[in-house]
């Protein structure tokens, strides 16, 4: 039996970060250190406010660590035609985000548009064949 799909737990902040990571593809992710300098005693009431803000919200590093298992690589294959209408195999790639326990993945429309075969690779090395269940070309 396959392992369950990794599902992030931070809500809308996580979904926004996941969509940003998916849109950036294999770009660089900047991780902000989780250690914070200790406040001095003469900072007064701003200490309480800063402590409230840092304890109420996860750091970007915490969110990235949580969502990385849900970011997937997508490889698509299709057949195009050359000038003489001869078939030419084409390959494309993109990224996506697992957002549902059943394994539904969100990606950009242009990643899968016209694809004949779609392969999804998870960060742990598992590879799956995928099918399109819906598209939204207008908002890509």
C-alpha atoms as a PDB file:
ATOM      1  CA  UNK A   1       0.000   0.000   0.000  1.00  0.00           C
ATOM      2  CA  UNK A   2       1.278   3.488  -0.848  1.00  0.00           C
ATOM      3  CA  UNK A   3       2.081   6.007   1.845  1.00  0.00           C
ATOM      4  CA  UNK A   4      -0.533   8.744   2.284  1.00  0.00           C
ATOM      5  CA  UNK A   5       0.130  12.007   0.454  1.00  0.00           C
ATOM      6  CA  UNK A   6       1.793  14.707   2.564  1.00  0.00           C
ATOM      7  CA  UNK A   7      -0.708  17.396   3.477  1.00  0.00           C
ATOM      8  CA  UNK A   8       0.426  20.725   4.926  1.00  0.00           C
ATOM      9  CA  UNK A   9      -1.257  22.004   8.088  1.00  0.00           C
ATOM     10  CA  UNK A  10      -0.803  25.794   8.049  1.00  0.00           C
ATOM     11  CA  UNK A  11      -3.913  26.722   6.035  1.00  0.00           C
ATOM     12  CA  UNK A  12      -4.002  29.686   3.655  1.00  0.00           C
ATOM     13  CA  UNK A  13      -0.442  30.809   4.365  1.00  0.00           C
ATOM     14  CA  UNK A  14       0.773  27.360   3.366  1.00  0.00           C
ATOM     15  CA  UNK A  15      -1.348  27.270   0.221  1.00  0.00           C
ATOM     16  CA  UNK A  16      -0.031  30.691  -0.829  1.00  0.00           C
ATOM     17  CA  UNK A  17       3.566  29.574  -0.294  1.00  0.00           C
ATOM     18  CA  UNK A  18       2.946  26.305  -2.134  1.00  0.00           C
ATOM     19  CA  UNK A  19       1.498  28.118  -5.125  1.00  0.00           C
ATOM     20  CA  UNK A  20       4.454  30.515  -5.082  1.00  0.00           C
ATOM     21  CA  UNK A  21       6.909  27.596  -5.013  1.00  0.00           C
ATOM     22  CA  UNK A  22       5.011  25.864  -7.825  1.00  0.00           C
ATOM     23  CA  UNK A  23       5.036  29.035  -9.921  1.00  0.00           C
ATOM     24  CA  UNK A  24       8.776  29.493  -9.398  1.00  0.00           C
ATOM     25  CA  UNK A  25       9.525  25.943 -10.481  1.00  0.00           C
ATOM     26  CA  UNK A  26      13.013  24.877  -9.527  1.00  0.00           C
ATOM     27  CA  UNK A  27      14.059  28.370  -8.461  1.00  0.00           C
ATOM     28  CA  UNK A  28      15.919  29.208  -5.304  1.00  0.00           C
ATOM     29  CA  UNK A  29      14.035  29.249  -2.009  1.00  0.00           C
ATOM     30  CA  UNK A  30      15.417  31.653   0.569  1.00  0.00           C
ATOM     31  CA  UNK A  31      15.099  30.288   4.088  1.00  0.00           C
ATOM     32  CA  UNK A  32      14.941  32.792   6.927  1.00  0.00           C
ATOM     33  CA  UNK A  33      16.735  31.605  10.096  1.00  0.00           C
ATOM     34  CA  UNK A  34      14.359  30.712  12.914  1.00  0.00           C
ATOM     35  CA  UNK A  35      16.610  32.078  15.673  1.00  0.00           C
ATOM     36  CA  UNK A  36      15.684  35.590  16.666  1.00  0.00           C
ATOM     37  CA  UNK A  37      17.911  38.020  18.560  1.00  0.00           C
ATOM     38  CA  UNK A  38      16.886  38.402  22.167  1.00  0.00           C
ATOM     39  CA  UNK A  39      15.288  41.788  22.898  1.00  0.00           C
ATOM     40  CA  UNK A  40      16.918  44.215  25.321  1.00  0.00           C
ATOM     41  CA  UNK A  41      15.185  45.357  28.466  1.00  0.00           C
ATOM     42  CA  UNK A  42      14.940  49.010  27.381  1.00  0.00           C
ATOM     43  CA  UNK A  43      12.729  48.256  24.371  1.00  0.00           C
ATOM     44  CA  UNK A  44       9.675  48.515  26.617  1.00  0.00           C
ATOM     45  CA  UNK A  45       6.260  47.455  25.317  1.00  0.00           C
ATOM     46  CA  UNK A  46       7.533  46.616  21.825  1.00  0.00           C
ATOM     47  CA  UNK A  47       9.022  43.465  23.352  1.00  0.00           C
ATOM     48  CA  UNK A  48       5.579  42.138  24.170  1.00  0.00           C
ATOM     49  CA  UNK A  49       4.279  42.940  20.693  1.00  0.00           C
ATOM     50  CA  UNK A  50       7.235  41.332  18.913  1.00  0.00           C
ATOM     51  CA  UNK A  51       6.986  38.251  21.122  1.00  0.00           C
ATOM     52  CA  UNK A  52       3.271  38.034  20.348  1.00  0.00           C
ATOM     53  CA  UNK A  53       3.867  38.256  16.592  1.00  0.00           C
ATOM     54  CA  UNK A  54       6.727  35.748  16.537  1.00  0.00           C
ATOM     55  CA  UNK A  55       4.857  33.243  18.674  1.00  0.00           C
ATOM     56  CA  UNK A  56       1.521  33.602  16.835  1.00  0.00           C
ATOM     57  CA  UNK A  57       2.789  32.911  13.302  1.00  0.00           C
ATOM     58  CA  UNK A  58       5.179  30.279  11.975  1.00  0.00           C
ATOM     59  CA  UNK A  59       8.381  31.492  10.370  1.00  0.00           C
ATOM     60  CA  UNK A  60       8.878  31.127   6.623  1.00  0.00           C
ATOM     61  CA  UNK A  61      11.467  28.441   7.361  1.00  0.00           C
ATOM     62  CA  UNK A  62       8.888  26.464   9.375  1.00  0.00           C
ATOM     63  CA  UNK A  63       6.320  26.694   6.591  1.00  0.00           C
ATOM     64  CA  UNK A  64       8.847  25.731   3.890  1.00  0.00           C
ATOM     65  CA  UNK A  65       9.963  22.709   5.932  1.00  0.00           C
ATOM     66  CA  UNK A  66       6.327  21.647   6.295  1.00  0.00           C
ATOM     67  CA  UNK A  67       5.318  22.039   2.642  1.00  0.00           C
ATOM     68  CA  UNK A  68       8.370  20.751   0.754  1.00  0.00           C
ATOM     69  CA  UNK A  69       7.035  17.145   0.768  1.00  0.00           C
ATOM     70  CA  UNK A  70       3.898  18.354  -1.051  1.00  0.00           C
ATOM     71  CA  UNK A  71       5.774  20.031  -3.940  1.00  0.00           C
ATOM     72  CA  UNK A  72       6.041  17.704  -6.950  1.00  0.00           C
ATOM     73  CA  UNK A  73       7.812  17.636 -10.297  1.00  0.00           C
ATOM     74  CA  UNK A  74       5.636  17.189 -13.393  1.00  0.00           C
ATOM     75  CA  UNK A  75       6.935  15.879 -16.733  1.00  0.00           C
ATOM     76  CA  UNK A  76       4.620  15.901 -19.743  1.00  0.00           C
ATOM     77  CA  UNK A  77       4.990  14.259 -23.128  1.00  0.00           C
ATOM     78  CA  UNK A  78       3.102  15.148 -26.291  1.00  0.00           C
ATOM     79  CA  UNK A  79       3.432  14.842 -30.052  1.00  0.00           C
ATOM     80  CA  UNK A  80       3.806  17.969 -32.142  1.00  0.00           C
ATOM     81  CA  UNK A  81       4.134  18.388 -35.899  1.00  0.00           C
ATOM     82  CA  UNK A  82       6.989  19.897 -37.902  1.00  0.00           C
ATOM     83  CA  UNK A  83       6.730  22.012 -41.055  1.00  0.00           C
ATOM     84  CA  UNK A  84       6.108  18.881 -43.140  1.00  0.00           C
ATOM     85  CA  UNK A  85       3.461  17.605 -40.659  1.00  0.00           C
ATOM     86  CA  UNK A  86       5.761  14.849 -39.438  1.00  0.00           C
ATOM     87  CA  UNK A  87       5.253  13.859 -35.785  1.00  0.00           C
ATOM     88  CA  UNK A  88       7.838  15.184 -33.323  1.00  0.00           C
ATOM     89  CA  UNK A  89       7.873  13.933 -29.719  1.00  0.00           C
ATOM     90  CA  UNK A  90       7.953  16.819 -27.239  1.00  0.00           C
ATOM     91  CA  UNK A  91       8.708  16.872 -23.537  1.00  0.00           C
ATOM     92  CA  UNK A  92       7.923  19.602 -21.021  1.00  0.00           C
ATOM     93  CA  UNK A  93       8.318  20.026 -17.301  1.00  0.00           C
ATOM     94  CA  UNK A  94       6.828  22.010 -14.444  1.00  0.00           C
ATOM     95  CA  UNK A  95       5.953  21.761 -10.792  1.00  0.00           C
ATOM     96  CA  UNK A  96       2.804  21.374  -8.762  1.00  0.00           C
ATOM     97  CA  UNK A  97       1.455  21.047  -5.253  1.00  0.00           C
ATOM     98  CA  UNK A  98      -0.429  18.166  -3.639  1.00  0.00           C
ATOM     99  CA  UNK A  99      -3.397  19.781  -1.900  1.00  0.00           C
ATOM    100  CA  UNK A 100      -5.711  16.875  -1.152  1.00  0.00           C
ATOM    101  CA  UNK A 101      -5.344  13.533   0.694  1.00  0.00           C
ATOM    102  CA  UNK A 102      -6.589  11.749  -2.439  1.00  0.00           C
ATOM    103  CA  UNK A 103      -3.561  13.033  -4.341  1.00  0.00           C
ATOM    104  CA  UNK A 104      -5.069  15.892  -6.345  1.00  0.00           C
ATOM    105  CA  UNK A 105      -2.366  18.257  -7.574  1.00  0.00           C
ATOM    106  CA  UNK A 106      -2.611  21.920  -8.543  1.00  0.00           C
ATOM    107  CA  UNK A 107      -0.351  23.190 -11.327  1.00  0.00           C
ATOM    108  CA  UNK A 108      -0.457  25.827 -14.041  1.00  0.00           C
ATOM    109  CA  UNK A 109      -2.575  25.127 -17.102  1.00  0.00           C
ATOM    110  CA  UNK A 110       0.328  25.692 -19.510  1.00  0.00           C
ATOM    111  CA  UNK A 111       2.255  22.855 -17.829  1.00  0.00           C
ATOM    112  CA  UNK A 112      -0.323  20.221 -18.835  1.00  0.00           C
ATOM    113  CA  UNK A 113      -2.023  21.809 -21.864  1.00  0.00           C
ATOM    114  CA  UNK A 114      -1.867  19.399 -24.806  1.00  0.00           C
ATOM    115  CA  UNK A 115      -0.139  16.649 -22.810  1.00  0.00           C
ATOM    116  CA  UNK A 116      -0.606  13.040 -23.859  1.00  0.00           C
ATOM    117  CA  UNK A 117       1.278  11.531 -20.893  1.00  0.00           C
ATOM    118  CA  UNK A 118       1.806  13.130 -17.481  1.00  0.00           C
ATOM    119  CA  UNK A 119       4.285  11.807 -14.921  1.00  0.00           C
ATOM    120  CA  UNK A 120       4.464  13.156 -11.363  1.00  0.00           C
ATOM    121  CA  UNK A 121       7.567  12.674  -9.188  1.00  0.00           C
ATOM    122  CA  UNK A 122       7.419  13.174  -5.433  1.00  0.00           C
ATOM    123  CA  UNK A 123      10.424  14.414  -3.411  1.00  0.00           C
ATOM    124  CA  UNK A 124      10.861  10.961  -1.856  1.00  0.00           C
ATOM    125  CA  UNK A 125      11.404   9.386  -5.300  1.00  0.00           C
ATOM    126  CA  UNK A 126       7.978   7.887  -5.917  1.00  0.00           C
ATOM    127  CA  UNK A 127       6.714   8.323  -9.501  1.00  0.00           C
ATOM    128  CA  UNK A 128       3.091   8.214 -10.673  1.00  0.00           C
ATOM    129  CA  UNK A 129       1.209   8.512 -13.944  1.00  0.00           C
ATOM    130  CA  UNK A 130      -1.361  11.311 -13.728  1.00  0.00           C
ATOM    131  CA  UNK A 131      -4.516  12.349 -15.539  1.00  0.00           C
ATOM    132  CA  UNK A 132      -6.115  15.760 -15.887  1.00  0.00           C
ATOM    133  CA  UNK A 133      -9.397  16.122 -13.987  1.00  0.00           C
ATOM    134  CA  UNK A 134      -9.903  19.814 -14.691  1.00  0.00           C
ATOM    135  CA  UNK A 135      -8.260  22.852 -16.250  1.00  0.00           C
ATOM    136  CA  UNK A 136      -8.746  26.603 -16.200  1.00  0.00           C
ATOM    137  CA  UNK A 137      -6.974  28.089 -19.229  1.00  0.00           C
ATOM    138  CA  UNK A 138      -8.322  31.599 -18.638  1.00  0.00           C
ATOM    139  CA  UNK A 139      -6.573  32.058 -15.295  1.00  0.00           C
ATOM    140  CA  UNK A 140      -3.603  29.731 -16.020  1.00  0.00           C
END
